[in-house]
Amino acid sequence: MAAAVMLARSWLDLRGAAALGLAALLIMAVPTARGFSTRFTLNASVALGATPLLWWIPWPFAFANRTTLLLAA
């Protein structure tokens, strides 16, 4: 799944609203709760809370940026 996201970002130029839509679909796909609203709230808060951590570390990879790896994770 992560490889498919990385290929979609590089080949299809997946940016902006399309990338946000993909992120929302991927967040809803993780089964952490029974109810949709609980699942989305829990997964979105974890994803948004972990996002600033990506900018604290140096980024040596030239093949993918932080946003691509965030979507792939």
N, C-alpha and C. Protein backbone atom coordinates (compact mmCIF):
# COMPACT_ATOMS: atom_id res chain seq x y z
N MET A 1 0.81 -1.19 0.00
CA MET A 1 0.00 0.00 0.00
C MET A 1 0.86 1.26 0.00
N ALA A 2 1.93 1.24 0.80
CA ALA A 2 2.81 2.40 0.85
C ALA A 2 3.48 2.64 -0.50
N ALA A 3 3.87 1.57 -1.17
CA ALA A 3 4.49 1.72 -2.49
C ALA A 3 3.50 2.29 -3.50
N ALA A 4 2.24 1.89 -3.40
CA ALA A 4 1.22 2.41 -4.31
C ALA A 4 1.01 3.92 -4.09
N VAL A 5 1.02 4.34 -2.85
CA VAL A 5 0.87 5.77 -2.56
C VAL A 5 2.06 6.55 -3.09
N MET A 6 3.26 6.01 -2.90
CA MET A 6 4.46 6.69 -3.39
C MET A 6 4.47 6.77 -4.91
N LEU A 7 4.04 5.71 -5.58
CA LEU A 7 3.96 5.75 -7.04
C LEU A 7 2.89 6.72 -7.52
N ALA A 8 1.76 6.77 -6.84
CA ALA A 8 0.70 7.70 -7.23
C ALA A 8 1.15 9.15 -7.06
N ARG A 9 1.90 9.42 -6.00
CA ARG A 9 2.40 10.79 -5.80
C ARG A 9 3.41 11.18 -6.86
N SER A 10 4.24 10.24 -7.29
CA SER A 10 5.28 10.59 -8.26
C SER A 10 4.77 10.55 -9.70
N TRP A 11 3.98 9.57 -10.06
CA TRP A 11 3.54 9.42 -11.45
C TRP A 11 2.31 10.24 -11.78
N LEU A 12 1.35 10.32 -10.87
CA LEU A 12 0.09 10.99 -11.15
C LEU A 12 0.07 12.44 -10.67
N ASP A 13 1.18 12.90 -10.11
CA ASP A 13 1.26 14.26 -9.58
C ASP A 13 0.11 14.54 -8.61
N LEU A 14 -0.03 13.68 -7.64
CA LEU A 14 -1.10 13.73 -6.65
C LEU A 14 -0.78 14.81 -5.62
N ARG A 15 -1.47 15.96 -5.72
CA ARG A 15 -1.23 17.09 -4.82
C ARG A 15 -2.56 17.75 -4.46
N GLY A 16 -2.51 18.61 -3.46
CA GLY A 16 -3.65 19.43 -3.10
C GLY A 16 -4.85 18.65 -2.60
N ALA A 17 -6.01 18.95 -3.18
CA ALA A 17 -7.27 18.35 -2.74
C ALA A 17 -7.28 16.84 -2.96
N ALA A 18 -6.67 16.38 -4.03
CA ALA A 18 -6.63 14.94 -4.28
C ALA A 18 -5.80 14.23 -3.21
N ALA A 19 -4.70 14.83 -2.79
CA ALA A 19 -3.88 14.23 -1.74
C ALA A 19 -4.63 14.24 -0.40
N LEU A 20 -5.37 15.31 -0.12
CA LEU A 20 -6.16 15.35 1.11
C LEU A 20 -7.27 14.30 1.09
N GLY A 21 -7.89 14.12 -0.07
CA GLY A 21 -8.91 13.08 -0.20
C GLY A 21 -8.33 11.69 0.01
N LEU A 22 -7.15 11.44 -0.56
CA LEU A 22 -6.49 10.16 -0.34
C LEU A 22 -6.13 9.97 1.12
N ALA A 23 -5.67 11.03 1.77
CA ALA A 23 -5.34 10.94 3.20
C ALA A 23 -6.58 10.62 4.02
N ALA A 24 -7.71 11.23 3.70
CA ALA A 24 -8.95 10.94 4.43
C ALA A 24 -9.37 9.49 4.23
N LEU A 25 -9.26 8.99 3.01
CA LEU A 25 -9.61 7.58 2.76
C LEU A 25 -8.68 6.63 3.49
N LEU A 26 -7.40 6.95 3.51
CA LEU A 26 -6.45 6.10 4.22
C LEU A 26 -6.67 6.15 5.73
N ILE A 27 -7.03 7.31 6.25
CA ILE A 27 -7.31 7.44 7.68
C ILE A 27 -8.54 6.61 8.05
N MET A 28 -9.56 6.62 7.20
CA MET A 28 -10.77 5.86 7.49
C MET A 28 -10.56 4.35 7.34
N ALA A 29 -9.52 3.94 6.62
CA ALA A 29 -9.29 2.52 6.38
C ALA A 29 -8.68 1.80 7.58
N VAL A 30 -8.08 2.52 8.50
CA VAL A 30 -7.44 1.89 9.66
C VAL A 30 -8.52 1.54 10.69
N PRO A 31 -8.70 0.26 10.99
CA PRO A 31 -9.79 -0.15 11.89
C PRO A 31 -9.42 0.00 13.37
N THR A 32 -9.64 1.18 13.92
CA THR A 32 -9.33 1.40 15.33
C THR A 32 -10.59 1.47 16.20
N ALA A 33 -11.74 1.66 15.62
CA ALA A 33 -12.99 1.74 16.40
C ALA A 33 -14.14 1.21 15.54
N ARG A 34 -15.24 0.91 16.17
CA ARG A 34 -16.40 0.40 15.43
C ARG A 34 -17.14 1.49 14.68
N GLY A 35 -17.37 2.61 15.32
CA GLY A 35 -18.12 3.69 14.70
C GLY A 35 -17.26 4.53 13.77
N PHE A 36 -17.87 5.04 12.71
CA PHE A 36 -17.15 5.82 11.72
C PHE A 36 -16.60 7.11 12.32
N SER A 37 -17.41 7.83 13.06
CA SER A 37 -16.96 9.12 13.60
C SER A 37 -15.85 8.94 14.62
N THR A 38 -15.94 7.91 15.45
CA THR A 38 -14.89 7.64 16.42
C THR A 38 -13.60 7.24 15.73
N ARG A 39 -13.72 6.41 14.71
CA ARG A 39 -12.55 5.97 13.96
C ARG A 39 -11.87 7.15 13.29
N PHE A 40 -12.63 7.98 12.62
CA PHE A 40 -12.05 9.12 11.91
C PHE A 40 -11.42 10.11 12.88
N THR A 41 -12.10 10.39 13.99
CA THR A 41 -11.56 11.33 14.97
C THR A 41 -10.27 10.82 15.60
N LEU A 42 -10.24 9.56 15.98
CA LEU A 42 -9.05 8.99 16.59
C LEU A 42 -7.89 8.95 15.62
N ASN A 43 -8.11 8.45 14.42
CA ASN A 43 -7.03 8.32 13.44
C ASN A 43 -6.55 9.68 12.94
N ALA A 44 -7.46 10.61 12.73
CA ALA A 44 -7.05 11.94 12.27
C ALA A 44 -6.25 12.67 13.34
N SER A 45 -6.63 12.53 14.59
CA SER A 45 -5.88 13.20 15.65
C SER A 45 -4.48 12.61 15.80
N VAL A 46 -4.34 11.31 15.64
CA VAL A 46 -3.01 10.69 15.70
C VAL A 46 -2.17 11.14 14.52
N ALA A 47 -2.76 11.16 13.32
CA ALA A 47 -2.01 11.58 12.13
C ALA A 47 -1.61 13.05 12.21
N LEU A 48 -2.53 13.89 12.61
CA LEU A 48 -2.20 15.32 12.72
C LEU A 48 -1.23 15.60 13.86
N GLY A 49 -1.30 14.83 14.91
CA GLY A 49 -0.38 15.01 16.02
C GLY A 49 1.03 14.54 15.70
N ALA A 50 1.16 13.55 14.84
CA ALA A 50 2.47 13.02 14.48
C ALA A 50 3.13 13.81 13.36
N THR A 51 2.38 14.62 12.66
CA THR A 51 2.92 15.36 11.52
C THR A 51 4.09 16.29 11.89
N PRO A 52 4.02 17.09 12.95
CA PRO A 52 5.16 17.96 13.26
C PRO A 52 6.44 17.21 13.58
N LEU A 53 6.33 15.96 14.01
CA LEU A 53 7.53 15.19 14.32
C LEU A 53 8.39 14.95 13.07
N LEU A 54 7.76 14.92 11.90
CA LEU A 54 8.52 14.69 10.68
C LEU A 54 9.46 15.84 10.35
N TRP A 55 9.15 17.04 10.79
CA TRP A 55 9.99 18.19 10.49
C TRP A 55 11.06 18.42 11.55
N TRP A 56 11.08 17.64 12.61
CA TRP A 56 12.10 17.78 13.64
C TRP A 56 13.39 17.05 13.27
N ILE A 57 13.27 16.06 12.41
CA ILE A 57 14.45 15.27 12.05
C ILE A 57 14.98 15.72 10.69
N PRO A 58 16.29 15.60 10.46
CA PRO A 58 16.83 15.94 9.13
C PRO A 58 16.33 14.96 8.08
N TRP A 59 16.18 15.43 6.87
CA TRP A 59 15.60 14.61 5.81
C TRP A 59 16.63 14.33 4.73
N PRO A 60 17.27 13.14 4.75
CA PRO A 60 18.32 12.84 3.77
C PRO A 60 17.82 12.21 2.47
N PHE A 61 16.55 11.86 2.39
CA PHE A 61 16.05 11.11 1.24
C PHE A 61 15.67 12.05 0.11
N ALA A 62 16.18 11.78 -1.07
CA ALA A 62 15.87 12.63 -2.23
C ALA A 62 14.70 12.07 -3.04
N PHE A 63 14.37 10.79 -2.86
CA PHE A 63 13.34 10.17 -3.69
C PHE A 63 11.92 10.48 -3.23
N ALA A 64 11.73 10.87 -1.99
CA ALA A 64 10.38 11.15 -1.49
C ALA A 64 10.47 12.25 -0.44
N ASN A 65 9.46 13.10 -0.45
CA ASN A 65 9.43 14.15 0.56
C ASN A 65 8.62 13.68 1.77
N ARG A 66 8.52 14.53 2.77
CA ARG A 66 7.84 14.14 4.01
C ARG A 66 6.36 13.88 3.81
N THR A 67 5.73 14.65 2.95
CA THR A 67 4.29 14.47 2.72
C THR A 67 4.00 13.12 2.09
N THR A 68 4.83 12.68 1.17
CA THR A 68 4.65 11.38 0.55
C THR A 68 4.77 10.27 1.58
N LEU A 69 5.75 10.36 2.44
CA LEU A 69 5.90 9.32 3.46
C LEU A 69 4.80 9.39 4.50
N LEU A 70 4.28 10.56 4.80
CA LEU A 70 3.15 10.67 5.72
C LEU A 70 1.92 10.00 5.14
N LEU A 71 1.65 10.22 3.86
CA LEU A 71 0.52 9.55 3.22
C LEU A 71 0.74 8.05 3.14
N ALA A 72 1.97 7.63 2.89
CA ALA A 72 2.26 6.21 2.79
C ALA A 72 2.16 5.51 4.14
N ALA A 73 2.46 6.23 5.21
CA ALA A 73 2.40 5.60 6.54
C ALA A 73 0.95 5.38 6.93
